[in-house]
Structure formats: structure tokens, C-alpha cells
Protein backbone atom coordinates (compact mmCIF):
# COMPACT_ATOMS: atom_id res chain seq x y z
CA MET A 1 204.42 88.62 120.60
CA LEU A 2 200.68 88.91 119.94
CA ILE A 3 197.84 86.38 120.44
CA TYR A 4 194.86 85.83 118.48
CA MET A 5 191.78 85.57 121.68
CA ASP A 6 188.37 85.43 119.67
CA GLY A 7 188.80 88.62 117.40
CA ARG A 8 191.64 90.61 119.23
CA PHE A 9 195.28 90.52 118.90
CA VAL A 10 196.60 91.19 122.49
CA PRO A 11 200.19 91.33 123.71
CA LYS A 12 201.15 87.82 125.37
CA GLU A 13 201.18 89.93 128.61
CA GLU A 14 197.63 90.81 128.44
CA ALA A 15 196.06 87.09 127.13
CA ARG A 16 193.88 86.13 129.71
CA LEU A 17 191.07 83.52 129.82
CA SER A 18 188.52 82.96 132.30
CA VAL A 19 188.85 80.57 135.15
CA PHE A 20 185.23 79.41 133.85
CA ASP A 21 186.47 78.62 130.23
CA HIS A 22 185.82 74.73 130.32
CA GLY A 23 189.34 74.31 128.56
CA PHE A 24 190.77 75.36 131.53
CA LEU A 25 188.51 73.38 133.64
CA TYR A 26 187.79 70.54 132.16
CA GLY A 27 190.25 69.97 129.00
CA ASP A 28 187.08 70.21 126.92
CA GLY A 29 188.64 71.82 123.71
CA VAL A 30 190.63 70.77 120.82
CA PHE A 31 194.04 71.98 119.44
CA GLU A 32 196.52 71.08 116.68
CA GLY A 33 200.70 72.15 116.74
CA ILE A 34 201.69 73.13 113.25
CA ARG A 35 205.31 73.90 112.23
CA VAL A 36 206.17 76.75 109.99
CA TYR A 37 208.84 76.43 107.31
CA ASN A 38 210.14 79.79 105.56
CA GLY A 39 206.86 81.14 105.63
CA LYS A 40 205.16 78.19 104.75
CA VAL A 41 202.67 76.34 106.62
CA PHE A 42 203.64 72.66 106.94
CA GLN A 43 200.04 70.95 106.00
CA MET A 44 198.16 73.66 106.76
CA GLN A 45 194.60 71.73 105.14
CA GLY A 46 195.48 68.69 106.82
CA HIS A 47 195.93 70.34 110.48
CA LEU A 48 192.78 72.72 109.73
CA ASP A 49 190.89 68.82 109.02
CA ARG A 50 191.99 66.91 112.09
CA LEU A 51 191.44 70.32 114.37
CA TYR A 52 187.78 70.52 112.54
CA ASP A 53 186.73 66.80 112.72
CA SER A 54 188.63 66.59 116.62
CA ALA A 55 186.03 69.24 117.05
CA LYS A 56 182.98 67.86 115.27
CA ALA A 57 184.03 64.49 117.46
CA ILE A 58 183.17 66.37 120.51
CA ASP A 59 180.37 68.35 118.99
CA LEU A 60 181.88 71.07 119.36
CA GLU A 61 181.22 74.12 117.30
CA VAL A 62 184.00 76.06 115.58
CA PRO A 63 182.92 79.68 115.58
CA VAL A 64 184.81 80.43 112.06
CA SER A 65 184.86 78.53 108.84
CA MET A 66 188.03 76.82 107.98
CA HIS A 67 188.98 79.50 105.58
CA GLU A 68 188.68 81.89 108.16
CA MET A 69 190.80 79.94 110.64
CA ALA A 70 193.49 79.91 108.12
CA GLY A 71 193.28 83.65 107.28
CA ILE A 72 193.67 83.55 111.14
CA ILE A 73 196.57 81.48 111.17
CA LEU A 74 198.43 83.55 108.53
CA GLU A 75 197.20 86.96 110.25
CA VAL A 76 198.92 85.78 113.53
CA LEU A 77 201.97 84.58 112.01
CA ARG A 78 202.23 87.86 109.96
CA LYS A 79 202.10 90.22 113.04
CA ASN A 80 204.42 88.12 115.26
CA LYS A 81 206.83 88.53 111.72
CA LEU A 82 207.10 84.58 112.03
CA LYS A 83 209.19 83.25 108.88
CA ASN A 84 209.94 79.79 110.93
CA GLY A 85 208.27 78.46 113.97
CA TYR A 86 205.13 77.13 115.91
CA VAL A 87 201.65 78.27 115.51
CA ARG A 88 198.87 76.32 117.92
CA PRO A 89 195.05 77.09 117.13
CA ILE A 90 193.53 76.20 120.14
CA VAL A 91 189.43 76.20 120.30
CA THR A 92 187.87 75.60 123.92
CA ARG A 93 184.19 75.03 124.51
CA GLY A 94 184.02 79.08 126.15
CA VAL A 95 182.95 79.77 129.08
CA GLY A 96 180.36 78.15 131.46
CA ASP A 97 179.53 77.18 134.64
CA LEU A 98 181.37 74.77 136.96
CA GLY A 99 179.20 71.94 135.88
CA LEU A 100 180.14 69.22 132.72
CA ASP A 101 177.11 70.20 130.54
CA PRO A 102 178.80 71.67 127.17
CA ARG A 103 175.32 73.01 126.72
CA LYS A 104 175.99 75.63 128.97
CA CYS A 105 178.87 77.19 127.31
CA PRO A 106 177.30 79.40 124.54
CA ARG A 107 180.47 79.94 122.63
CA ALA A 108 183.77 78.44 121.96
CA SER A 109 186.77 80.44 122.06
CA ILE A 110 189.39 80.72 119.46
CA ILE A 111 193.39 81.32 120.42
CA VAL A 112 195.60 81.14 118.21
CA ILE A 113 199.77 81.41 119.52
CA ALA A 114 202.34 81.57 117.69
CA VAL A 115 206.54 81.49 118.33
CA GLU A 116 209.61 80.52 117.21
CA TRP A 117 210.93 77.32 117.68
CA GLY A 118 213.19 75.26 116.37
CA ALA A 119 213.95 71.82 116.63
CA MET A 120 212.12 70.33 119.59
CA TYR A 121 215.38 68.39 121.03
CA GLY A 122 217.88 70.24 119.51
CA ASP A 123 221.14 69.19 118.76
CA LEU A 124 220.16 65.79 120.23
CA TYR A 125 218.87 64.89 116.80
CA GLU A 126 222.71 64.59 115.53
CA LYS A 127 223.48 62.72 119.29
CA GLY A 128 220.77 60.80 119.18
CA LEU A 129 217.69 61.09 122.39
CA LYS A 130 217.07 58.63 125.02
CA ALA A 131 213.59 57.12 124.92
CA ILE A 132 212.36 55.47 128.39
CA CYS A 133 209.70 52.76 128.25
CA VAL A 134 206.91 54.01 131.30
CA SER A 135 204.55 52.07 132.85
CA VAL A 136 201.83 54.73 132.65
CA ARG A 137 199.89 52.87 129.87
CA ARG A 138 198.30 54.95 126.67
CA ASN A 139 194.41 55.58 127.25
CA PRO A 140 192.73 53.04 125.38
CA ALA A 141 191.01 54.22 122.13
CA GLU A 142 187.66 52.84 123.51
CA SER A 143 188.03 55.23 126.31
CA LEU A 144 189.31 58.26 124.35
CA PRO A 145 189.43 58.34 120.84
CA PRO A 146 193.36 58.79 119.77
CA ASN A 147 191.74 60.61 116.52
CA ILE A 148 190.63 63.62 118.72
CA LYS A 149 193.80 65.83 119.87
CA SER A 150 192.04 67.41 123.07
CA LEU A 151 193.45 69.84 125.58
CA ASN A 152 193.09 66.95 128.11
CA TYR A 153 196.74 65.52 127.81
CA LEU A 154 197.06 64.80 131.24
CA ASN A 155 197.94 60.58 130.20
CA ASN A 156 200.98 62.42 128.43
CA ILE A 157 201.98 64.59 130.83
CA LEU A 158 202.37 61.50 133.38
CA GLY A 159 204.30 59.59 130.83
CA LYS A 160 206.73 62.29 130.39
CA ILE A 161 207.14 63.27 134.04
CA GLU A 162 208.09 59.14 134.54
CA ALA A 163 210.88 59.91 131.93
CA ASN A 164 212.14 62.69 133.52
CA TYR A 165 212.55 60.88 137.10
CA LYS A 166 214.15 58.15 134.78
CA GLY A 167 216.59 60.35 133.07
CA GLY A 168 214.77 60.16 129.58
CA ASP A 169 214.10 62.92 126.79
CA GLU A 170 210.81 61.04 125.41
CA ALA A 171 208.36 58.55 127.23
CA ILE A 172 207.43 55.52 124.98
CA PHE A 173 203.83 54.13 125.73
CA PHE A 174 202.48 50.75 125.52
CA ASP A 175 198.90 50.19 125.44
CA THR A 176 196.84 48.15 127.91
CA ASN A 177 197.81 44.75 126.09
CA GLY A 178 201.53 45.62 126.27
CA TYR A 179 202.38 46.84 122.68
CA VAL A 180 204.18 49.68 122.00
CA SER A 181 201.98 52.60 121.23
CA GLU A 182 203.60 56.24 121.12
CA GLY A 183 205.78 58.27 123.17
CA SER A 184 204.67 61.13 125.26
CA GLY A 185 204.87 64.30 122.48
CA ASP A 186 206.28 61.66 119.06
CA ASN A 187 204.61 59.64 116.95
CA ILE A 188 207.03 56.18 116.99
CA PHE A 189 207.53 54.50 113.36
CA VAL A 190 209.70 51.43 112.87
CA VAL A 191 211.79 51.34 109.99
């Protein structure tokens, strides 16, 4: 597997990130998770729009154009010979110091990973999956705007941990007012 890292394609085993990267230190960055079916990237433009909108919302300058990012994604898929799978473009704030000030990070980093990935829950789509209501509340939009798909997923992880302990496949979050919000890794729709 080859991973794109700031202009280079490196084998998975050689992919390295600085311990001073603010994405690693603070979750200061953005990402997208995009499915690929029969060689076609699902909703590429919509995903790239959200990636760049998320970056703009945290004042993170993506060092390549949206068109270039699309090309990088396609090249990662090509180099890995993937027709079906999952691709994750990531933009971190980049290397800085141990302080929080984003101005100390002179250049953002881009990482693009592509893997084979079947159905997220395997055969549970046919059997049904067990969703568990968790006590962890969804971050309020006033604290962390939900339109920003950031690298900080600790809220989701805490919900998933609780669902795991309770024997569930997925966590259902409530907001701070007690209304159903979403899953730890899935959207919830009422039909």
C-alpha cells in the first residue's frame, strides 16, 4: 500500500508523521472519508467542498487547489490499484511547537490513504446491527460546529467505547437537550 504524504508516495511501513504535527498533538486538522465504487469516487466534489469548507472554518490553508487534491486522490487509487474501497484525504495544521498557536505551523501537511474496505458492518446489514443509546452527549454545536469534519473525534470514540461495553455495534448520541443526534460513526435517519 502506498500513502501520499506531502508530495511523495511512500509505502505504508515508511509513512511517518512528526510528533510535533498539530494534527497529532491537538487534533488540529480536517479529513474526509470517501467511498470508491467500481473505480468511481462517490460524490468527489461534495466531499472536497466539505474538506475545504472545514479547513476554511478553522483557518487552515490547504496547500493545494481542490483540483490538485482530486488528482492526488485519483493517483493514490491508481497506484494502489483500487477499484472499490475507501479513501481518506487528511489535512493537518502541520509541524509546529508544543504551543497551541496555529501561526507557529508554517505549512499544512496533506496525507491521503486508500484501502480496500467492504461494508462497514459486514453481514450485519442483513442480520441487523445493535445500536446502543449512550450517556456521552454529542458536542453542542455552540462548542464545536458539526459542519467542521475535524481530526478531533474523541467524543465519537467515547460513545463507541460505551457501546462496546454494552454489547452494541453502534452508539446513538443524544444532544445536551436529550434529543437523538447521531451515531458515533453513522448518521441516523427516521423513515
